[in-house]
Amino acid sequence: MPTVPINQIQVGCNRRPVKGEKVDELKESIRTNGLLNPITIDQKLNLIAGLHRLTACKLLGLEEIECNIITYTDSEQARLAEIDENLIRNELEPLERSELWLERDQILERMGLRAKAGDNQHTLKGGEMISPPLKRTLEMATQAGYSKRTFQHGKQIAKGIHPEVKQLLKGTPVADSPTALLRIARAGSDERALAETAQKALDLAISQGNQQEAERQVKLVAELQMKQKQLQLLAYKSVTAEKEAKLILKKHQPPTKKLAEKSAASGELIVKPGDEWMLGRHLVYCGDTAGKDFRHLLPSNAALAIAILSSTWEHNYLVDEARVVAVLLFEGNIYKFYQRNQMPFQYELVLGNLYIGIFSHQVLSKPQTPINVEGVEGIVNYLLNLYTTQNNFVIAPFMGHGETLIACERMGRICFTGDQNSDVVSRGMMRWQRWSGKEAWRGG
């Protein structure tokens, strides 16, 4: 087996990122047993397969490495071989695999290969035979266990997601979820289609020497692609918020019996109107949360307020206290509330049997992807993930069962909450104590 100096091997910029844990495993194996599986390079010393093995050998200080050398007539064939080598492996993320499927088909098309079902061999336009015959990408996918539908969705993902959004997705949990990726790819699909049409018009204008039309189409393409990117970034944030909300609920579902026993042994908290309580970093007020005493306690830069429509709604002030206000309503109350409130309405979300009105002085884009979360706790977690970050302030003027308070505790947000009903405040604080293992302290 021929050997080549390691420092002469060229690694292309489109290689997949190296995974440190895999390199560490290979280092130990190579140190003990030597390189059992040589890397593959072309005649110009471009790496085709074996980046992790090559990296491990470099880290071990080896100066030469055994190689399989394959001769290709052009760079397209070399890239095809590299893609095929990667597609054989199982550790690809769905996003990576989708991009390779699309790139492979694009290369076959550029090479002018006949890649129709039933072909036994493929030839270049000039009649030159490709040996061994190249498989269609769909054939490779189905032989690896992927359905035709999965393959088609994969190409839609690779083609439909804006390049900058792809870079953001890589290495995240979303990149490993075909369903989430497809939702993002479909967001802004109209804008992408219009951008492609504008690009064709731009190419035509350039070919005809129409500079004024070309400049107009350049601007249109840029605007449409920017809109596509914005919609897909919003979709990414939406699916991430949904995943995190579900994960939090799943991880922190309390053991009912244990909590009930602990609650019975801990005794009732005595709460009186006007009380202020400190629960770690959170503040709880017993009294009118539309009144000046509660408003005086609020921070000046809250990121989000989450409220439930009440029969005595006097909380339009929230839109001046928080960047975003989310109001949970049942269907029968929606339009009356929208008509009589004076907060600037942005859009509406429908989650299960609840409607969430989103209000803000800022212009907000509505998530374009379907949202699948259940229950008030799931909705609260979704909203916190969508509109807040670590250490943000959150206002919850209706304590309910403490859903927002507990979600803020879990997620590192700071909650300002309260209620007129002292029993509601007491139960909410006790629930927080059971969840957090911390004690509430009377302030004020």
Protein backbone atom coordinates (compact mmCIF):
# COMPACT_ATOMS: atom_id res chain seq x y z
CA MET A 1 0.00 0.00 0.00
CA PRO A 2 1.56 3.37 -1.04
CA THR A 3 2.30 6.01 1.59
CA VAL A 4 2.13 9.78 1.16
CA PRO A 5 3.56 12.58 3.34
CA ILE A 6 0.72 13.81 5.52
CA ASN A 7 1.53 17.48 5.00
CA GLN A 8 1.05 17.10 1.22
CA ILE A 9 -2.59 15.92 1.43
CA GLN A 10 -5.10 18.62 0.49
CA VAL A 11 -8.36 18.85 2.43
CA GLY A 12 -11.22 20.65 0.68
CA CYS A 13 -13.17 23.44 2.38
CA ASN A 14 -16.48 21.62 1.89
CA ARG A 15 -15.53 18.74 4.17
CA ARG A 16 -17.80 17.84 7.07
CA PRO A 17 -16.61 19.13 10.47
CA VAL A 18 -14.38 16.82 12.50
CA LYS A 19 -15.90 15.22 15.61
CA GLY A 20 -13.44 15.28 18.49
CA GLU A 21 -14.69 12.14 20.24
CA LYS A 22 -14.32 10.10 17.05
CA VAL A 23 -10.76 11.38 16.50
CA ASP A 24 -9.86 10.44 20.09
CA GLU A 25 -11.14 6.89 19.55
CA LEU A 26 -9.17 6.57 16.32
CA LYS A 27 -5.99 7.87 17.97
CA GLU A 28 -6.10 5.09 20.54
CA SER A 29 -6.83 2.46 17.88
CA ILE A 30 -4.05 3.67 15.55
CA ARG A 31 -1.58 3.95 18.42
CA THR A 32 -2.32 0.33 19.40
CA ASN A 33 -3.01 -1.40 16.08
CA GLY A 34 -1.78 0.95 13.38
CA LEU A 35 -3.95 2.35 10.58
CA LEU A 36 -6.17 -0.59 9.64
CA ASN A 37 -8.18 1.29 7.00
CA PRO A 38 -6.10 3.55 4.70
CA ILE A 39 -7.49 6.92 3.65
CA THR A 40 -8.52 7.58 0.04
CA ILE A 41 -7.06 10.37 -2.10
CA ASP A 42 -7.07 11.27 -5.79
CA GLN A 43 -4.08 11.59 -8.08
CA LYS A 44 -3.62 15.24 -7.05
CA LEU A 45 -3.48 14.26 -3.36
CA ASN A 46 -6.96 15.68 -2.63
CA LEU A 47 -8.62 13.85 0.26
CA ILE A 48 -11.64 11.79 -0.82
CA ALA A 49 -12.35 9.82 2.37
CA GLY A 50 -10.82 9.55 5.83
CA LEU A 51 -10.65 13.02 7.40
CA HIS A 52 -10.99 11.66 10.95
CA ARG A 53 -8.25 9.07 10.32
CA LEU A 54 -6.01 11.74 8.78
CA THR A 55 -6.59 14.09 11.72
CA ALA A 56 -5.83 11.33 14.23
CA CYS A 57 -2.56 10.49 12.45
CA LYS A 58 -1.55 14.17 12.42
CA LEU A 59 -2.21 14.44 16.16
CA LEU A 60 -0.11 11.32 16.74
CA GLY A 61 2.79 13.05 14.97
CA LEU A 62 2.96 10.65 12.01
CA GLU A 63 4.70 12.05 8.96
CA GLU A 64 3.34 9.61 6.35
CA ILE A 65 0.04 7.79 5.91
CA GLU A 66 -1.13 4.83 3.85
CA CYS A 67 -3.49 5.77 1.03
CA ASN A 68 -5.73 4.31 -1.62
CA ILE A 69 -5.10 6.48 -4.68
CA ILE A 70 -7.94 6.79 -7.19
CA THR A 71 -7.56 8.48 -10.56
CA TYR A 72 -10.36 10.81 -11.67
CA THR A 73 -10.64 12.70 -14.93
CA ASP A 74 -12.06 15.83 -13.29
CA SER A 75 -12.95 17.41 -9.97
CA GLU A 76 -16.66 16.61 -10.37
CA GLN A 77 -15.97 12.88 -10.32
CA ALA A 78 -13.70 13.31 -7.30
CA ARG A 79 -16.41 15.21 -5.42
CA LEU A 80 -18.95 12.51 -6.32
CA ALA A 81 -16.70 9.88 -4.83
CA GLU A 82 -16.30 11.97 -1.68
CA ILE A 83 -20.07 12.43 -1.35
CA ASP A 84 -20.71 8.71 -1.90
CA GLU A 85 -18.18 7.84 0.78
CA ASN A 86 -19.93 10.16 3.25
CA LEU A 87 -23.40 8.89 2.38
CA ILE A 88 -22.38 5.35 3.28
CA ARG A 89 -21.81 6.42 6.87
CA ASN A 90 -24.64 6.56 9.41
CA GLU A 91 -23.57 9.47 11.61
CA LEU A 92 -24.79 12.18 9.22
CA GLU A 93 -27.31 14.66 10.55
CA PRO A 94 -30.47 14.88 8.40
CA LEU A 95 -29.43 18.37 7.29
CA GLU A 96 -25.97 17.14 6.21
CA ARG A 97 -27.44 14.14 4.40
CA SER A 98 -30.03 16.30 2.65
CA GLU A 99 -27.35 18.69 1.40
CA LEU A 100 -25.27 15.80 0.05
CA TRP A 101 -28.28 14.32 -1.76
CA LEU A 102 -28.99 17.64 -3.44
CA GLU A 103 -25.34 18.33 -4.32
CA ARG A 104 -24.95 14.84 -5.80
CA ASP A 105 -27.95 15.30 -8.08
CA GLN A 106 -26.68 18.72 -9.13
CA ILE A 107 -23.26 17.27 -10.03
CA LEU A 108 -24.86 14.47 -12.06
CA GLU A 109 -26.89 17.06 -13.91
CA ARG A 110 -23.84 19.24 -14.64
CA MET A 111 -21.93 16.20 -15.88
CA GLY A 112 -24.75 15.42 -18.29
CA LEU A 113 -25.23 11.92 -16.96
CA ARG A 114 -28.28 9.93 -17.96
CA ALA A 115 -29.69 8.98 -14.55
CA LYS A 116 -33.09 7.57 -15.35
CA ALA A 117 -34.65 4.59 -13.62
CA GLY A 118 -33.71 1.33 -15.34
CA ASP A 119 -30.36 2.53 -16.74
CA ASN A 120 -27.58 -0.02 -16.33
CA GLN A 121 -24.82 2.48 -16.93
CA HIS A 122 -24.37 6.19 -17.22
CA THR A 123 -22.48 8.05 -19.92
CA LEU A 124 -21.26 11.56 -20.41
CA LYS A 125 -22.69 13.64 -23.24
CA GLY A 126 -19.63 12.91 -25.34
CA GLY A 127 -20.28 9.18 -25.12
CA GLU A 128 -17.51 8.40 -22.63
CA MET A 129 -18.41 5.55 -20.30
CA ILE A 130 -18.32 6.03 -16.54
CA SER A 131 -17.07 2.90 -14.88
CA PRO A 132 -18.21 1.59 -12.53
CA PRO A 133 -21.73 2.82 -13.39
CA LEU A 134 -22.93 5.59 -11.09
CA LYS A 135 -26.12 4.99 -9.15
CA ARG A 136 -28.92 7.51 -9.06
CA THR A 137 -29.02 9.38 -5.76
CA LEU A 138 -32.50 8.05 -5.07
CA GLU A 139 -31.22 4.48 -5.52
CA MET A 140 -28.42 5.12 -3.02
CA ALA A 141 -30.90 6.60 -0.54
CA THR A 142 -33.40 3.73 -0.78
CA GLN A 143 -30.65 1.12 -0.52
CA ALA A 144 -29.51 2.84 2.67
CA GLY A 145 -33.02 2.44 4.09
CA TYR A 146 -34.59 5.82 3.30
CA SER A 147 -37.98 6.02 1.60
CA LYS A 148 -38.61 7.95 -1.58
CA ARG A 149 -40.68 10.42 0.45
CA THR A 150 -37.82 10.97 2.91
CA PHE A 151 -35.47 11.55 -0.02
CA GLN A 152 -37.81 14.10 -1.60
CA HIS A 153 -38.25 15.89 1.71
CA GLY A 154 -34.48 15.90 2.16
CA LYS A 155 -33.93 17.66 -1.16
CA GLN A 156 -36.67 20.12 -0.27
CA ILE A 157 -34.85 20.87 2.99
CA ALA A 158 -31.48 21.32 1.27
CA LYS A 159 -32.87 23.49 -1.50
CA GLY A 160 -35.43 25.45 0.50
CA ILE A 161 -33.47 26.70 3.52
CA HIS A 162 -31.57 29.97 3.17
CA PRO A 163 -27.76 29.40 3.28
CA GLU A 164 -27.26 31.62 6.33
CA VAL A 165 -30.05 29.84 8.18
CA LYS A 166 -28.41 26.48 7.32
CA GLN A 167 -25.19 27.62 8.94
CA LEU A 168 -27.12 28.59 12.06
CA LEU A 169 -28.85 25.20 12.17
CA LYS A 170 -25.77 23.02 11.82
CA GLY A 171 -24.83 21.26 15.04
CA THR A 172 -28.09 22.18 16.78
CA PRO A 173 -30.80 19.69 17.84
CA VAL A 174 -32.97 21.05 15.02
CA ALA A 175 -30.44 19.81 12.43
CA ASP A 176 -31.21 16.29 13.65
CA SER A 177 -34.99 16.65 13.21
CA PRO A 178 -36.27 16.18 9.63
CA THR A 179 -39.75 17.36 10.68
CA ALA A 180 -38.43 20.61 12.14
CA LEU A 181 -36.14 21.16 9.14
CA LEU A 182 -39.03 20.68 6.75
CA ARG A 183 -41.11 23.22 8.66
CA ILE A 184 -38.28 25.74 8.37
CA ALA A 185 -37.76 24.99 4.67
CA ARG A 186 -41.44 25.60 3.96
CA ALA A 187 -41.41 28.94 5.79
CA GLY A 188 -40.75 31.67 3.25
CA SER A 189 -41.26 29.27 0.34
CA ASP A 190 -43.27 31.87 -1.59
CA GLU A 191 -40.48 34.41 -1.16
CA ARG A 192 -37.88 31.89 -2.31
CA ALA A 193 -39.91 31.06 -5.43
CA LEU A 194 -40.34 34.76 -6.22
CA ALA A 195 -36.60 35.31 -5.69
CA GLU A 196 -35.81 32.53 -8.18
CA THR A 197 -38.16 34.13 -10.72
CA ALA A 198 -36.53 37.52 -10.13
CA GLN A 199 -33.08 35.92 -10.58
CA LYS A 200 -34.13 34.58 -14.00
CA ALA A 201 -35.41 38.04 -14.94
CA LEU A 202 -32.08 39.48 -13.78
CA ASP A 203 -30.10 37.03 -15.93
CA LEU A 204 -32.27 37.93 -18.92
CA ALA A 205 -31.85 41.65 -18.34
CA ILE A 206 -28.07 41.24 -18.14
CA SER A 207 -27.99 39.20 -21.36
CA GLN A 208 -30.05 41.91 -23.10
CA GLY A 209 -27.90 44.72 -21.74
CA ASN A 210 -30.84 46.30 -19.93
CA GLN A 211 -28.99 47.89 -17.01
CA GLN A 212 -32.00 49.65 -15.47
CA GLU A 213 -34.05 46.45 -15.35
CA ALA A 214 -31.04 44.51 -14.06
CA GLU A 215 -30.62 46.94 -11.17
CA ARG A 216 -34.32 46.68 -10.33
CA GLN A 217 -34.18 42.88 -10.30
CA VAL A 218 -30.99 42.85 -8.17
CA LYS A 219 -32.81 44.88 -5.55
CA LEU A 220 -35.90 42.65 -5.76
CA VAL A 221 -33.85 39.44 -5.39
CA ALA A 222 -32.08 40.83 -2.32
CA GLU A 223 -35.36 41.94 -0.71
CA LEU A 224 -37.07 38.59 -1.30
CA GLN A 225 -34.10 36.58 -0.05
CA MET A 226 -33.92 38.75 3.07
CA LYS A 227 -37.63 38.20 3.70
CA GLN A 228 -37.16 34.43 3.22
CA LYS A 229 -34.28 34.48 5.70
CA GLN A 230 -36.31 36.42 8.29
CA LEU A 231 -39.28 34.07 8.03
CA GLN A 232 -37.05 31.01 8.35
CA LEU A 233 -35.20 32.47 11.32
CA LEU A 234 -38.56 33.04 12.97
CA ALA A 235 -39.58 29.46 12.12
CA TYR A 236 -36.30 28.20 13.61
CA LYS A 237 -36.94 30.12 16.80
CA SER A 238 -40.50 28.80 16.87
CA VAL A 239 -39.56 25.11 16.52
CA THR A 240 -36.72 25.56 19.03
CA ALA A 241 -39.11 27.16 21.51
CA GLU A 242 -41.57 24.32 21.03
CA LYS A 243 -38.89 21.64 21.50
CA GLU A 244 -37.55 23.27 24.64
CA ALA A 245 -41.04 23.75 26.07
CA LYS A 246 -41.85 20.06 25.59
CA LEU A 247 -38.45 18.98 26.95
CA ILE A 248 -38.87 21.08 30.06
CA LEU A 249 -42.32 19.67 30.74
CA LYS A 250 -41.09 16.12 30.18
CA LYS A 251 -38.02 16.47 32.41
CA HIS A 252 -39.75 18.26 35.23
CA GLN A 253 -43.07 16.45 35.49
CA PRO A 254 -43.40 16.08 39.26
CA PRO A 255 -44.07 12.78 41.06
CA THR A 256 -47.61 13.52 42.33
CA LYS A 257 -47.66 11.28 45.40
CA LYS A 258 -44.35 12.50 46.73
CA LEU A 259 -45.28 16.14 46.24
CA ALA A 260 -48.69 15.66 47.86
CA GLU A 261 -47.08 14.15 51.00
CA LYS A 262 -44.54 16.92 51.16
CA SER A 263 -47.23 19.55 50.73
CA ALA A 264 -49.32 18.09 53.56
CA ALA A 265 -46.31 18.14 55.89
CA SER A 266 -45.17 21.68 55.02
CA GLY A 267 -48.29 23.55 56.21
CA GLU A 268 -50.13 26.47 54.68
CA LEU A 269 -48.53 29.81 53.92
CA ILE A 270 -50.44 32.68 55.46
CA VAL A 271 -50.77 35.43 52.85
CA LYS A 272 -52.47 38.80 53.42
CA PRO A 273 -53.46 41.56 50.97
CA GLY A 274 -50.60 43.96 50.38
CA ASP A 275 -47.91 41.34 51.11
CA GLU A 276 -44.76 41.28 49.02
CA TRP A 277 -42.85 37.99 48.90
CA MET A 278 -39.39 37.15 47.57
CA LEU A 279 -39.07 33.70 46.04
CA GLY A 280 -35.37 33.54 45.21
CA ARG A 281 -35.02 36.21 42.51
CA HIS A 282 -38.79 36.39 41.90
CA LEU A 283 -41.28 38.81 43.42
CA VAL A 284 -44.88 37.89 44.35
CA TYR A 285 -47.50 40.48 45.29
CA CYS A 286 -50.89 39.85 46.91
CA GLY A 287 -53.31 42.52 45.73
CA ASP A 288 -54.63 44.33 42.67
CA THR A 289 -52.06 43.76 39.90
CA ALA A 290 -53.64 46.61 37.89
CA GLY A 291 -53.03 49.05 40.76
CA LYS A 292 -50.15 51.43 41.34
CA ASP A 293 -48.62 49.41 44.21
CA PHE A 294 -47.92 46.42 41.96
CA ARG A 295 -46.90 48.58 39.01
CA HIS A 296 -44.45 50.41 41.28
CA LEU A 297 -42.69 47.07 41.91
CA LEU A 298 -42.18 46.24 38.21
CA PRO A 299 -38.87 46.57 36.36
CA SER A 300 -38.65 49.11 33.54
CA ASN A 301 -37.38 46.68 30.91
CA ALA A 302 -39.40 43.45 31.05
CA ALA A 303 -39.11 41.27 27.96
CA LEU A 304 -42.52 39.62 28.21
CA ALA A 305 -45.83 39.82 30.04
CA ILE A 306 -48.14 36.79 30.08
CA ALA A 307 -51.72 37.42 31.16
CA ILE A 308 -55.03 35.55 31.20
CA LEU A 309 -58.12 37.56 30.25
CA SER A 310 -60.19 38.33 33.34
CA SER A 311 -63.66 39.79 33.78
CA THR A 312 -62.06 42.82 35.46
CA TRP A 313 -59.34 43.43 32.85
CA GLU A 314 -57.51 46.71 33.53
CA HIS A 315 -54.08 45.65 32.36
CA ASN A 316 -53.51 47.54 29.11
CA TYR A 317 -50.62 49.19 30.95
CA LEU A 318 -48.61 46.00 30.39
CA VAL A 319 -47.72 46.97 26.83
CA ASP A 320 -45.77 49.93 28.23
CA GLU A 321 -44.01 47.75 30.81
CA ALA A 322 -42.98 44.80 28.61
CA ARG A 323 -41.61 44.53 25.08
CA VAL A 324 -44.18 41.83 24.22
CA VAL A 325 -47.55 41.12 25.86
CA ALA A 326 -49.24 37.73 25.38
CA VAL A 327 -52.88 37.47 26.46
CA LEU A 328 -54.48 34.01 26.73
CA LEU A 329 -58.15 33.98 25.77
CA PHE A 330 -60.89 31.48 25.13
CA GLU A 331 -62.69 31.67 21.79
CA GLY A 332 -65.83 33.46 22.99
CA ASN A 333 -63.87 36.44 24.35
CA ILE A 334 -61.52 37.15 21.46
CA TYR A 335 -63.15 39.83 19.36
CA LYS A 336 -64.75 41.79 22.20
CA PHE A 337 -61.35 41.98 23.88
CA TYR A 338 -59.57 43.07 20.69
CA GLN A 339 -62.18 45.76 20.08
CA ARG A 340 -62.12 47.34 23.51
CA ASN A 341 -58.46 47.10 24.48
CA GLN A 342 -56.06 49.83 23.45
CA MET A 343 -52.89 47.79 23.15
CA PRO A 344 -51.27 47.63 19.68
CA PHE A 345 -52.25 44.21 18.29
CA GLN A 346 -49.59 42.34 16.28
CA TYR A 347 -50.97 38.86 15.59
CA GLU A 348 -52.76 35.86 17.06
CA LEU A 349 -51.60 32.32 17.84
CA VAL A 350 -53.94 29.37 18.24
CA LEU A 351 -52.62 26.68 20.59
CA GLY A 352 -55.07 23.89 21.32
CA ASN A 353 -58.32 25.49 22.51
CA LEU A 354 -56.61 28.72 23.55
CA TYR A 355 -56.06 31.88 21.56
CA ILE A 356 -53.03 34.00 22.36
CA GLY A 357 -53.16 37.63 21.33
CA ILE A 358 -49.70 39.14 20.86
CA PHE A 359 -49.37 42.88 21.50
CA SER A 360 -46.35 45.17 21.19
CA HIS A 361 -45.29 48.67 20.24
CA GLN A 362 -42.71 46.96 18.02
CA VAL A 363 -43.57 45.29 14.71
CA LEU A 364 -43.41 41.51 15.24
CA SER A 365 -43.50 38.75 12.64
CA LYS A 366 -45.88 35.88 13.25
CA PRO A 367 -44.35 32.36 13.36
CA GLN A 368 -45.21 30.70 10.05
CA THR A 369 -44.89 27.09 11.18
CA PRO A 370 -47.61 25.07 12.95
CA ILE A 371 -47.20 25.02 16.74
CA ASN A 372 -47.87 21.81 18.62
CA VAL A 373 -47.82 22.33 22.37
CA GLU A 374 -50.51 21.45 24.90
CA GLY A 375 -51.72 22.94 28.16
CA VAL A 376 -51.05 26.29 29.81
CA GLU A 377 -47.60 25.16 31.02
CA GLY A 378 -46.58 24.14 27.51
CA ILE A 379 -47.80 27.47 26.12
CA VAL A 380 -45.96 29.45 28.81
CA ASN A 381 -42.72 27.58 28.08
CA TYR A 382 -43.17 28.18 24.35
CA LEU A 383 -43.70 31.93 24.86
CA LEU A 384 -40.70 32.22 27.19
CA ASN A 385 -38.46 30.50 24.67
CA LEU A 386 -39.79 32.61 21.80
CA TYR A 387 -39.60 36.06 23.38
CA THR A 388 -37.09 35.92 26.24
CA THR A 389 -33.52 34.94 27.04
CA GLN A 390 -31.58 34.12 30.21
CA ASN A 391 -32.10 36.64 33.08
CA ASN A 392 -34.89 38.55 31.28
CA PHE A 393 -37.73 39.99 33.36
CA VAL A 394 -41.20 38.47 32.90
CA ILE A 395 -44.49 39.88 34.26
CA ALA A 396 -47.41 37.58 35.15
CA PRO A 397 -50.24 39.68 36.65
CA PHE A 398 -52.47 36.61 37.13
CA MET A 399 -50.76 33.93 39.16
CA GLY A 400 -53.01 31.01 38.21
CA HIS A 401 -51.35 27.80 39.35
CA GLY A 402 -47.91 29.42 39.25
CA GLU A 403 -47.15 28.20 35.68
CA THR A 404 -45.19 31.30 34.67
CA LEU A 405 -43.41 31.57 38.04
CA ILE A 406 -42.20 27.96 37.91
CA ALA A 407 -41.26 28.15 34.23
CA CYS A 408 -39.16 31.24 34.97
CA GLU A 409 -37.46 29.39 37.84
CA ARG A 410 -36.57 26.49 35.53
CA MET A 411 -35.38 28.63 32.65
CA GLY A 412 -33.41 31.31 34.50
CA ARG A 413 -35.87 34.17 33.97
CA ILE A 414 -36.97 36.58 36.72
CA CYS A 415 -40.71 36.68 37.37
CA PHE A 416 -42.88 39.49 38.79
CA THR A 417 -46.25 37.97 39.56
CA GLY A 418 -49.23 38.26 41.87
CA ASP A 419 -52.98 37.99 42.34
CA GLN A 420 -55.81 39.58 44.30
CA ASN A 421 -56.83 36.22 45.75
CA SER A 422 -54.61 35.38 48.73
CA ASP A 423 -55.44 31.67 48.47
CA VAL A 424 -54.25 31.64 44.82
CA VAL A 425 -51.03 33.38 45.87
CA SER A 426 -50.46 30.91 48.71
CA ARG A 427 -51.02 27.84 46.54
CA GLY A 428 -48.80 29.21 43.78
CA MET A 429 -45.95 29.97 46.16
CA MET A 430 -46.20 26.55 47.83
CA ARG A 431 -46.06 24.90 44.43
CA TRP A 432 -42.93 26.92 43.65
CA GLN A 433 -41.38 25.82 46.97
CA ARG A 434 -42.02 22.16 46.18
CA TRP A 435 -40.54 22.52 42.71
CA SER A 436 -37.49 24.54 43.68
CA GLY A 437 -36.73 23.21 47.15
CA LYS A 438 -36.34 26.85 48.23
CA GLU A 439 -38.20 28.93 50.83
CA ALA A 440 -40.36 31.98 50.20
CA TRP A 441 -39.57 35.08 52.28
CA ARG A 442 -41.97 37.87 53.18
CA GLY A 443 -40.68 41.27 52.05
CA GLY A 444 -41.97 44.79 51.99
